[in-house]
Amino acid sequence: MRNVTLFRPLIWLTILGVVLVLSLPARAAERDRLEAFLQVTGFDVALESIGLAAGDAPGLLGMQASDFGADWKRTADEVFDTETMHNMAMDILEAALSDDLLTHAAAFYASPLGQRLVEAENASHMANDEAKQSEGTALVADWVAEGDARVNVLRQLNQAVDAADSGVRAVQEIQVRFFVAASRSGILDYDIDEETLRRVIKQGEAELRVSLQVSALANAAYTYQDFSEEDIRAYLEALEHPDMQLVYELMNAVQYEIMANRFEILAGRMADLHPGQEL
């Protein structure tokens, strides 16, 4: 399951809409089947990797981890606790993901190609981001020079993963929720007006979209570098299936909400941390 790097009313309306679409055709999937689904698709590892983003929090505020004392890492680990995020995902999926759609997605990822893809994606989720971007960018440059068709197929793959184009909106809303929470908790020595912040962030939307596309292409090149063009095209065909599109729409919404929720809570915890302080 791909990792894809909100304003609360907006995202919960999105999830509610997906719930209505996915839960009507068939009964919701049972919890034990969901656990197996998370493992076979690699979505459990994708959820775990969300915790890696916690290290970016101080930098987003123009600060360093050392500004929050020796207990920073433990606090971040507690907020981005894997079990907590796992349970949040399970609660949403139990209500939203129909048994039929679960079966469709799980069948592909349980196939020989699917399991190879999951193994590569799981490793990529936990890899160092800087190294991944550097190596992926170099691969893309080489493939473009060689006329390798995988570059265009990977672009199509990234589009299929986020056909609803929710990635840019999600990043914007996660930023808003984090900065507003940081302002209200007292981390910042100035107040942030939410509407003004939204307008400022909106002004950079075009640049953000290009940045995300470039980053996603490098990430895909790194992740699927050992796969043939035929394998990647087979994956693209699987992702473009209407049932898989619905599954991914829900998975993206789940990941975005969990990340936004955890960053909001982290902002509140950060306000209680100071250099040299232990909780």
C-alpha atoms as a PDB file:
ATOM      1  CA  MET A   1       0.000   0.000   0.000  1.00  0.00           C
ATOM      2  CA  ARG A   2       1.464   3.319  -1.083  1.00  0.00           C
ATOM      3  CA  ASN A   3       2.307   6.049   1.358  1.00  0.00           C
ATOM      4  CA  VAL A   4       0.889   9.206   0.344  1.00  0.00           C
ATOM      5  CA  THR A   5       3.578  12.248   2.285  1.00  0.00           C
ATOM      6  CA  LEU A   6      -7.075  18.512   6.864  1.00  0.00           C
ATOM      7  CA  PHE A   7      -9.253  20.659   8.149  1.00  0.00           C
ATOM      8  CA  ARG A   8     -11.297  18.502  10.493  1.00  0.00           C
ATOM      9  CA  PRO A   9     -14.787  19.172   9.051  1.00  0.00           C
ATOM     10  CA  LEU A  10     -13.481  18.694   5.503  1.00  0.00           C
ATOM     11  CA  ILE A  11     -11.741  15.388   6.026  1.00  0.00           C
ATOM     12  CA  TRP A  12     -14.462  13.896   8.169  1.00  0.00           C
ATOM     13  CA  LEU A  13     -17.036  14.810   5.532  1.00  0.00           C
ATOM     14  CA  THR A  14     -14.752  13.072   3.028  1.00  0.00           C
ATOM     15  CA  ILE A  15     -14.520   9.974   5.214  1.00  0.00           C
ATOM     16  CA  LEU A  16     -18.286  10.051   5.859  1.00  0.00           C
ATOM     17  CA  GLY A  17     -18.927  10.175   2.122  1.00  0.00           C
ATOM     18  CA  VAL A  18     -16.626   7.229   1.542  1.00  0.00           C
ATOM     19  CA  VAL A  19     -18.292   5.346   4.396  1.00  0.00           C
ATOM     20  CA  LEU A  20     -21.682   5.781   2.752  1.00  0.00           C
ATOM     21  CA  VAL A  21     -20.361   4.621  -0.603  1.00  0.00           C
ATOM     22  CA  LEU A  22     -18.418   1.642   0.661  1.00  0.00           C
ATOM     23  CA  SER A  23     -20.695   0.318   3.365  1.00  0.00           C
ATOM     24  CA  LEU A  24     -23.918   0.113   1.373  1.00  0.00           C
ATOM     25  CA  PRO A  25     -23.135  -2.701  -1.115  1.00  0.00           C
ATOM     26  CA  ALA A  26     -22.038  -5.218   1.505  1.00  0.00           C
ATOM     27  CA  ARG A  27     -21.591  -5.586   5.232  1.00  0.00           C
ATOM     28  CA  ALA A  28     -18.574  -3.975   6.821  1.00  0.00           C
ATOM     29  CA  ALA A  29     -15.535  -6.166   7.048  1.00  0.00           C
ATOM     30  CA  GLU A  30     -14.957  -8.012  10.314  1.00  0.00           C
ATOM     31  CA  ARG A  31     -12.125  -6.790  12.509  1.00  0.00           C
ATOM     32  CA  ASP A  32     -10.024  -9.950  12.223  1.00  0.00           C
ATOM     33  CA  ARG A  33     -10.214  -9.764   8.438  1.00  0.00           C
ATOM     34  CA  LEU A  34      -9.186  -6.115   8.617  1.00  0.00           C
ATOM     35  CA  GLU A  35      -6.112  -7.065  10.611  1.00  0.00           C
ATOM     36  CA  ALA A  36      -5.150  -9.541   7.896  1.00  0.00           C
ATOM     37  CA  PHE A  37      -5.917  -6.923   5.243  1.00  0.00           C
ATOM     38  CA  LEU A  38      -3.561  -4.404   6.846  1.00  0.00           C
ATOM     39  CA  GLN A  39      -0.763  -6.954   6.856  1.00  0.00           C
ATOM     40  CA  VAL A  40      -1.206  -8.353   3.356  1.00  0.00           C
ATOM     41  CA  THR A  41      -1.432  -4.886   1.792  1.00  0.00           C
ATOM     42  CA  GLY A  42       1.376  -3.398   3.893  1.00  0.00           C
ATOM     43  CA  PHE A  43      -0.936  -0.676   5.187  1.00  0.00           C
ATOM     44  CA  ASP A  44       0.148  -1.534   8.731  1.00  0.00           C
ATOM     45  CA  VAL A  45       3.723  -0.511   7.870  1.00  0.00           C
ATOM     46  CA  ALA A  46       2.468   2.621   6.095  1.00  0.00           C
ATOM     47  CA  LEU A  47       0.682   3.604   9.307  1.00  0.00           C
ATOM     48  CA  GLU A  48       3.791   2.916  11.378  1.00  0.00           C
ATOM     49  CA  SER A  49       5.849   5.127   9.072  1.00  0.00           C
ATOM     50  CA  ILE A  50       3.616   8.114   9.884  1.00  0.00           C
ATOM     51  CA  GLY A  51       5.568   8.356  13.132  1.00  0.00           C
ATOM     52  CA  LEU A  52       8.709   9.237  11.184  1.00  0.00           C
ATOM     53  CA  ALA A  53       7.114  12.583  10.328  1.00  0.00           C
ATOM     54  CA  ALA A  54       7.172  13.625  13.994  1.00  0.00           C
ATOM     55  CA  GLY A  55      10.828  14.565  13.638  1.00  0.00           C
ATOM     56  CA  ASP A  56       9.826  17.334  11.209  1.00  0.00           C
ATOM     57  CA  ALA A  57       7.613  19.119  13.751  1.00  0.00           C
ATOM     58  CA  PRO A  58      10.238  21.410  15.359  1.00  0.00           C
ATOM     59  CA  GLY A  59      11.626  22.421  11.972  1.00  0.00           C
ATOM     60  CA  LEU A  60       8.164  23.419  10.728  1.00  0.00           C
ATOM     61  CA  LEU A  61       8.077  25.947  13.563  1.00  0.00           C
ATOM     62  CA  GLY A  62      11.582  27.229  12.844  1.00  0.00           C
ATOM     63  CA  MET A  63      12.946  25.409  15.885  1.00  0.00           C
ATOM     64  CA  GLN A  64      15.101  22.385  16.703  1.00  0.00           C
ATOM     65  CA  ALA A  65      14.365  19.255  18.687  1.00  0.00           C
ATOM     66  CA  SER A  66      16.833  20.454  21.353  1.00  0.00           C
ATOM     67  CA  ASP A  67      14.517  23.406  22.038  1.00  0.00           C
ATOM     68  CA  PHE A  68      12.090  20.937  23.577  1.00  0.00           C
ATOM     69  CA  GLY A  69      14.454  19.221  25.974  1.00  0.00           C
ATOM     70  CA  ALA A  70      15.778  15.730  26.497  1.00  0.00           C
ATOM     71  CA  ASP A  71      12.271  14.267  26.647  1.00  0.00           C
ATOM     72  CA  TRP A  72      11.371  15.325  23.110  1.00  0.00           C
ATOM     73  CA  LYS A  73      11.850  11.938  21.472  1.00  0.00           C
ATOM     74  CA  ARG A  74       9.881  10.021  24.097  1.00  0.00           C
ATOM     75  CA  THR A  75       7.034  12.504  23.871  1.00  0.00           C
ATOM     76  CA  ALA A  76       6.945  12.296  20.063  1.00  0.00           C
ATOM     77  CA  ASP A  77       7.029   8.494  20.236  1.00  0.00           C
ATOM     78  CA  GLU A  78       4.119   8.501  22.679  1.00  0.00           C
ATOM     79  CA  VAL A  79       1.984  10.764  20.499  1.00  0.00           C
ATOM     80  CA  PHE A  80       2.772   8.805  17.342  1.00  0.00           C
ATOM     81  CA  ASP A  81       2.362   5.474  19.110  1.00  0.00           C
ATOM     82  CA  THR A  82       1.959   2.724  16.517  1.00  0.00           C
ATOM     83  CA  GLU A  83      -0.814   0.930  18.400  1.00  0.00           C
ATOM     84  CA  THR A  84      -2.813   4.142  18.790  1.00  0.00           C
ATOM     85  CA  MET A  85      -2.586   4.932  15.075  1.00  0.00           C
ATOM     86  CA  HIS A  86      -3.365   1.316  14.204  1.00  0.00           C
ATOM     87  CA  ASN A  87      -6.523   1.380  16.332  1.00  0.00           C
ATOM     88  CA  MET A  88      -7.638   4.686  14.829  1.00  0.00           C
ATOM     89  CA  ALA A  89      -7.308   3.203  11.355  1.00  0.00           C
ATOM     90  CA  MET A  90      -9.120   0.035  12.349  1.00  0.00           C
ATOM     91  CA  ASP A  91     -12.054   1.951  13.818  1.00  0.00           C
ATOM     92  CA  ILE A  92     -12.585   3.903  10.596  1.00  0.00           C
ATOM     93  CA  LEU A  93     -12.034   0.931   8.311  1.00  0.00           C
ATOM     94  CA  GLU A  94     -14.344  -1.324  10.319  1.00  0.00           C
ATOM     95  CA  ALA A  95     -17.197   1.100   9.668  1.00  0.00           C
ATOM     96  CA  ALA A  96     -16.258   2.097   6.136  1.00  0.00           C
ATOM     97  CA  LEU A  97     -14.619  -0.729   4.198  1.00  0.00           C
ATOM     98  CA  SER A  98     -17.053  -3.224   2.741  1.00  0.00           C
ATOM     99  CA  ASP A  99     -16.164  -6.892   2.700  1.00  0.00           C
ATOM    100  CA  ASP A 100     -16.330  -6.994  -1.109  1.00  0.00           C
ATOM    101  CA  LEU A 101     -13.796  -4.189  -1.557  1.00  0.00           C
ATOM    102  CA  LEU A 102     -11.513  -5.645   1.097  1.00  0.00           C
ATOM    103  CA  THR A 103     -11.553  -8.977  -0.734  1.00  0.00           C
ATOM    104  CA  HIS A 104     -10.783  -7.320  -4.078  1.00  0.00           C
ATOM    105  CA  ALA A 105      -7.770  -5.380  -2.799  1.00  0.00           C
ATOM    106  CA  ALA A 106      -6.429  -8.209  -0.657  1.00  0.00           C
ATOM    107  CA  ALA A 107      -6.599 -10.641  -3.588  1.00  0.00           C
ATOM    108  CA  PHE A 108      -4.234  -8.510  -5.650  1.00  0.00           C
ATOM    109  CA  TYR A 109      -1.760  -7.857  -2.850  1.00  0.00           C
ATOM    110  CA  ALA A 110      -1.746 -11.546  -1.912  1.00  0.00           C
ATOM    111  CA  SER A 111      -0.629 -12.475  -5.439  1.00  0.00           C
ATOM    112  CA  PRO A 112       3.076 -13.108  -6.165  1.00  0.00           C
ATOM    113  CA  LEU A 113       3.471  -9.663  -7.780  1.00  0.00           C
ATOM    114  CA  GLY A 114       1.448  -8.053  -5.018  1.00  0.00           C
ATOM    115  CA  GLN A 115       3.639  -9.508  -2.289  1.00  0.00           C
ATOM    116  CA  ARG A 116       6.809  -8.411  -4.095  1.00  0.00           C
ATOM    117  CA  LEU A 117       5.367  -4.913  -4.303  1.00  0.00           C
ATOM    118  CA  VAL A 118       4.404  -4.897  -0.621  1.00  0.00           C
ATOM    119  CA  GLU A 119       7.903  -6.020   0.370  1.00  0.00           C
ATOM    120  CA  ALA A 120       9.441  -3.178  -1.659  1.00  0.00           C
ATOM    121  CA  GLU A 121       6.931  -0.624  -0.375  1.00  0.00           C
ATOM    122  CA  ASN A 122       7.391  -1.652   3.256  1.00  0.00           C
ATOM    123  CA  ALA A 123      11.152  -1.236   2.946  1.00  0.00           C
ATOM    124  CA  SER A 124      10.684   2.139   1.244  1.00  0.00           C
ATOM    125  CA  HIS A 125       8.323   3.407   3.964  1.00  0.00           C
ATOM    126  CA  MET A 126      11.003   2.963   6.602  1.00  0.00           C
ATOM    127  CA  ALA A 127      13.980   4.144   4.512  1.00  0.00           C
ATOM    128  CA  ASN A 128      15.767   7.429   5.128  1.00  0.00           C
ATOM    129  CA  ASP A 129      13.869  10.141   3.240  1.00  0.00           C
ATOM    130  CA  GLU A 130      16.927  12.110   2.154  1.00  0.00           C
ATOM    131  CA  ALA A 131      18.702   9.041   0.823  1.00  0.00           C
ATOM    132  CA  LYS A 132      15.518   7.873  -0.856  1.00  0.00           C
ATOM    133  CA  GLN A 133      14.958  11.205  -2.587  1.00  0.00           C
ATOM    134  CA  SER A 134      18.594  11.468  -3.666  1.00  0.00           C
ATOM    135  CA  GLU A 135      18.765   7.973  -5.124  1.00  0.00           C
ATOM    136  CA  GLY A 136      15.298   8.235  -6.655  1.00  0.00           C
ATOM    137  CA  THR A 137      16.101  11.554  -8.323  1.00  0.00           C
ATOM    138  CA  ALA A 138      19.283  10.084  -9.819  1.00  0.00           C
ATOM    139  CA  LEU A 139      17.344   7.083 -11.135  1.00  0.00           C
ATOM    140  CA  VAL A 140      14.750   9.328 -12.783  1.00  0.00           C
ATOM    141  CA  ALA A 141      17.498  11.372 -14.450  1.00  0.00           C
ATOM    142  CA  ASP A 142      19.170   8.223 -15.774  1.00  0.00           C
ATOM    143  CA  TRP A 143      15.899   6.750 -17.045  1.00  0.00           C
ATOM    144  CA  VAL A 144      14.941  10.004 -18.795  1.00  0.00           C
ATOM    145  CA  ALA A 145      18.353  10.090 -20.503  1.00  0.00           C
ATOM    146  CA  GLU A 146      17.909   6.464 -21.567  1.00  0.00           C
ATOM    147  CA  GLY A 147      14.327   6.958 -22.729  1.00  0.00           C
ATOM    148  CA  ASP A 148      13.119   4.391 -20.187  1.00  0.00           C
ATOM    149  CA  ALA A 149       9.318   4.113 -20.362  1.00  0.00           C
ATOM    150  CA  ARG A 150       9.108   3.411 -16.638  1.00  0.00           C
ATOM    151  CA  VAL A 151       9.237   7.156 -15.903  1.00  0.00           C
ATOM    152  CA  ASN A 152       5.889   7.821 -17.594  1.00  0.00           C
ATOM    153  CA  VAL A 153       4.355   4.673 -16.133  1.00  0.00           C
ATOM    154  CA  LEU A 154       5.427   5.741 -12.639  1.00  0.00           C
ATOM    155  CA  ARG A 155       3.826   9.152 -13.193  1.00  0.00           C
ATOM    156  CA  GLN A 156       0.583   7.385 -14.112  1.00  0.00           C
ATOM    157  CA  LEU A 157       0.986   5.152 -11.068  1.00  0.00           C
ATOM    158  CA  ASN A 158       1.225   8.166  -8.776  1.00  0.00           C
ATOM    159  CA  GLN A 159      -1.878   9.671 -10.369  1.00  0.00           C
ATOM    160  CA  ALA A 160      -3.799   6.429  -9.835  1.00  0.00           C
ATOM    161  CA  VAL A 161      -2.827   6.355  -6.155  1.00  0.00           C
ATOM    162  CA  ASP A 162      -4.376   9.799  -5.646  1.00  0.00           C
ATOM    163  CA  ALA A 163      -6.963  10.048  -8.396  1.00  0.00           C
ATOM    164  CA  ALA A 164      -9.040  12.459  -6.285  1.00  0.00           C
ATOM    165  CA  ASP A 165      -6.041  14.828  -6.091  1.00  0.00           C
ATOM    166  CA  SER A 166      -6.387  15.032  -2.310  1.00  0.00           C
ATOM    167  CA  GLY A 167      -2.660  15.075  -1.526  1.00  0.00           C
ATOM    168  CA  VAL A 168      -2.129  18.827  -1.914  1.00  0.00           C
ATOM    169  CA  ARG A 169      -5.254  19.672   0.102  1.00  0.00           C
ATOM    170  CA  ALA A 170      -4.221  17.222   2.790  1.00  0.00           C
ATOM    171  CA  VAL A 171      -0.753  18.734   3.208  1.00  0.00           C
ATOM    172  CA  GLN A 172      -2.255  22.222   3.380  1.00  0.00           C
ATOM    173  CA  GLU A 173      -4.806  21.235   6.019  1.00  0.00           C
ATOM    174  CA  ILE A 174      -2.305  19.304   8.123  1.00  0.00           C
ATOM    175  CA  GLN A 175      -0.120  22.421   8.156  1.00  0.00           C
ATOM    176  CA  VAL A 176      -3.055  24.601   9.192  1.00  0.00           C
ATOM    177  CA  ARG A 177      -4.145  22.305  11.995  1.00  0.00           C
ATOM    178  CA  PHE A 178      -0.598  21.986  13.328  1.00  0.00           C
ATOM    179  CA  PHE A 179       0.240  25.700  13.224  1.00  0.00           C
ATOM    180  CA  VAL A 180      -3.095  26.721  14.747  1.00  0.00           C
ATOM    181  CA  ALA A 181      -2.684  24.139  17.517  1.00  0.00           C
ATOM    182  CA  ALA A 182       0.890  25.316  18.134  1.00  0.00           C
ATOM    183  CA  SER A 183      -0.306  28.917  18.367  1.00  0.00           C
ATOM    184  CA  ARG A 184      -3.111  28.095  20.775  1.00  0.00           C
ATOM    185  CA  SER A 185      -0.874  25.954  22.982  1.00  0.00           C
ATOM    186  CA  GLY A 186       1.602  28.792  23.438  1.00  0.00           C
ATOM    187  CA  ILE A 187       4.601  27.305  21.620  1.00  0.00           C
ATOM    188  CA  LEU A 188       4.719  30.354  19.378  1.00  0.00           C
ATOM    189  CA  ASP A 189       5.096  33.824  20.830  1.00  0.00           C
ATOM    190  CA  TYR A 190       2.540  35.223  18.405  1.00  0.00           C
ATOM    191  CA  ASP A 191      -1.046  34.421  17.511  1.00  0.00           C
ATOM    192  CA  ILE A 192      -1.995  32.873  14.206  1.00  0.00           C
ATOM    193  CA  ASP A 193      -5.201  33.871  12.470  1.00  0.00           C
ATOM    194  CA  GLU A 194      -6.497  30.734  10.777  1.00  0.00           C
ATOM    195  CA  GLU A 195      -8.091  32.463   7.802  1.00  0.00           C
ATOM    196  CA  THR A 196      -4.944  34.502   7.120  1.00  0.00           C
ATOM    197  CA  LEU A 197      -2.828  31.346   7.383  1.00  0.00           C
ATOM    198  CA  ARG A 198      -5.074  29.595   4.884  1.00  0.00           C
ATOM    199  CA  ARG A 199      -4.694  32.435   2.386  1.00  0.00           C
ATOM    200  CA  VAL A 200      -0.910  32.409   2.748  1.00  0.00           C
ATOM    201  CA  ILE A 201      -0.707  28.647   2.305  1.00  0.00           C
ATOM    202  CA  LYS A 202      -3.094  28.808  -0.669  1.00  0.00           C
ATOM    203  CA  GLN A 203      -0.744  31.228  -2.433  1.00  0.00           C
ATOM    204  CA  GLY A 204       1.924  28.540  -2.503  1.00  0.00           C
ATOM    205  CA  GLU A 205      -0.375  25.820  -3.827  1.00  0.00           C
ATOM    206  CA  ALA A 206       1.089  25.623  -7.340  1.00  0.00           C
ATOM    207  CA  GLU A 207       4.626  25.353  -6.007  1.00  0.00           C
ATOM    208  CA  LEU A 208       3.526  22.735  -3.460  1.00  0.00           C
ATOM    209  CA  ARG A 209       1.818  20.659  -6.141  1.00  0.00           C
ATOM    210  CA  VAL A 210       4.953  20.576  -8.300  1.00  0.00           C
ATOM    211  CA  SER A 211       7.120  19.768  -5.286  1.00  0.00           C
ATOM    212  CA  LEU A 212       4.888  16.856  -4.293  1.00  0.00           C
ATOM    213  CA  GLN A 213       4.845  15.500  -7.845  1.00  0.00           C
ATOM    214  CA  VAL A 214       8.639  15.639  -8.120  1.00  0.00           C
ATOM    215  CA  SER A 215       9.049  14.034  -4.700  1.00  0.00           C
ATOM    216  CA  ALA A 216       6.493  11.320  -5.479  1.00  0.00           C
ATOM    217  CA  LEU A 217       8.233  10.442  -8.760  1.00  0.00           C
ATOM    218  CA  ALA A 218      11.627  10.132  -7.043  1.00  0.00           C
ATOM    219  CA  ASN A 219      10.040   8.037  -4.298  1.00  0.00           C
ATOM    220  CA  ALA A 220       8.377   5.746  -6.836  1.00  0.00           C
ATOM    221  CA  ALA A 221      11.624   5.338  -8.800  1.00  0.00           C
ATOM    222  CA  TYR A 222      13.454   4.361  -5.615  1.00  0.00           C
ATOM    223  CA  THR A 223      10.708   1.983  -4.492  1.00  0.00           C
ATOM    224  CA  TYR A 224      10.149   0.177  -7.800  1.00  0.00           C
ATOM    225  CA  GLN A 225      13.665   0.313  -9.263  1.00  0.00           C
ATOM    226  CA  ASP A 226      13.925  -3.487  -9.335  1.00  0.00           C
ATOM    227  CA  PHE A 227      10.602  -3.983 -11.110  1.00  0.00           C
ATOM    228  CA  SER A 228      10.246  -4.311 -14.852  1.00  0.00           C
ATOM    229  CA  GLU A 229       8.089  -2.028 -16.959  1.00  0.00           C
ATOM    230  CA  GLU A 230       5.691  -4.952 -17.401  1.00  0.00           C
ATOM    231  CA  ASP A 231       5.355  -5.383 -13.630  1.00  0.00           C
ATOM    232  CA  ILE A 232       4.719  -1.677 -13.074  1.00  0.00           C
ATOM    233  CA  ARG A 233       2.113  -1.599 -15.844  1.00  0.00           C
ATOM    234  CA  ALA A 234       0.368  -4.574 -14.232  1.00  0.00           C
ATOM    235  CA  TYR A 235       0.333  -2.662 -10.946  1.00  0.00           C
ATOM    236  CA  LEU A 236      -1.042   0.417 -12.681  1.00  0.00           C
ATOM    237  CA  GLU A 237      -3.851  -1.630 -14.208  1.00  0.00           C
ATOM    238  CA  ALA A 238      -4.716  -3.028 -10.772  1.00  0.00           C
ATOM    239  CA  LEU A 239      -4.726   0.432  -9.176  1.00  0.00           C
ATOM    240  CA  GLU A 240      -6.957   1.895 -11.887  1.00  0.00           C
ATOM    241  CA  HIS A 241      -9.702  -0.649 -11.233  1.00  0.00           C
ATOM    242  CA  PRO A 242     -12.795   1.177  -9.844  1.00  0.00           C
ATOM    243  CA  ASP A 243     -12.856  -0.975  -6.694  1.00  0.00           C
ATOM    244  CA  MET A 244      -9.200  -0.289  -5.955  1.00  0.00           C
ATOM    245  CA  GLN A 245      -9.789   3.420  -6.532  1.00  0.00           C
ATOM    246  CA  LEU A 246     -12.443   3.402  -3.798  1.00  0.00           C
ATOM    247  CA  VAL A 247     -10.136   1.511  -1.452  1.00  0.00           C
ATOM    248  CA  TYR A 248      -7.328   3.993  -2.010  1.00  0.00           C
ATOM    249  CA  GLU A 249      -9.626   6.973  -1.553  1.00  0.00           C
ATOM    250  CA  LEU A 250     -10.464   5.656   1.896  1.00  0.00           C
ATOM    251  CA  MET A 251      -6.865   4.718   2.739  1.00  0.00           C
ATOM    252  CA  ASN A 252      -5.657   8.193   1.836  1.00  0.00           C
ATOM    253  CA  ALA A 253      -8.364   9.798   3.980  1.00  0.00           C
ATOM    254  CA  VAL A 254      -7.454   7.560   6.919  1.00  0.00           C
ATOM    255  CA  GLN A 255      -3.746   8.379   6.692  1.00  0.00           C
ATOM    256  CA  TYR A 256      -4.340  12.116   6.367  1.00  0.00           C
ATOM    257  CA  GLU A 257      -6.706  12.270   9.332  1.00  0.00           C
ATOM    258  CA  ILE A 258      -4.363  10.269  11.558  1.00  0.00           C
ATOM    259  CA  MET A 259      -1.398  12.469  10.663  1.00  0.00           C
ATOM    260  CA  ALA A 260      -3.358  15.704  11.223  1.00  0.00           C
ATOM    261  CA  ASN A 261      -4.749  14.420  14.509  1.00  0.00           C
ATOM    262  CA  ARG A 262      -1.359  13.337  15.819  1.00  0.00           C
ATOM    263  CA  PHE A 263       0.311  16.642  14.847  1.00  0.00           C
ATOM    264  CA  GLU A 264      -2.404  18.582  16.662  1.00  0.00           C
ATOM    265  CA  ILE A 265      -1.886  16.538  19.809  1.00  0.00           C
ATOM    266  CA  LEU A 266       1.901  16.807  19.483  1.00  0.00           C
ATOM    267  CA  ALA A 267       1.598  20.611  19.392  1.00  0.00           C
ATOM    268  CA  GLY A 268      -0.129  20.532  22.739  1.00  0.00           C
ATOM    269  CA  ARG A 269       2.491  18.246  24.260  1.00  0.00           C
ATOM    270  CA  MET A 270       5.367  20.319  22.861  1.00  0.00           C
ATOM    271  CA  ALA A 271       4.164  23.340  24.836  1.00  0.00           C
ATOM    272  CA  ASP A 272       5.015  21.512  28.076  1.00  0.00           C
ATOM    273  CA  LEU A 273       8.581  20.657  27.052  1.00  0.00           C
ATOM    274  CA  HIS A 274      11.611  22.854  27.682  1.00  0.00           C
ATOM    275  CA  PRO A 275      15.392  22.372  27.392  1.00  0.00           C
ATOM    276  CA  GLY A 276      16.662  20.155  30.178  1.00  0.00           C
ATOM    277  CA  GLN A 277      13.155  19.270  31.369  1.00  0.00           C
ATOM    278  CA  GLU A 278      12.108  15.680  31.968  1.00  0.00           C
ATOM    279  CA  LEU A 279       8.454  14.767  32.370  1.00  0.00           C
END
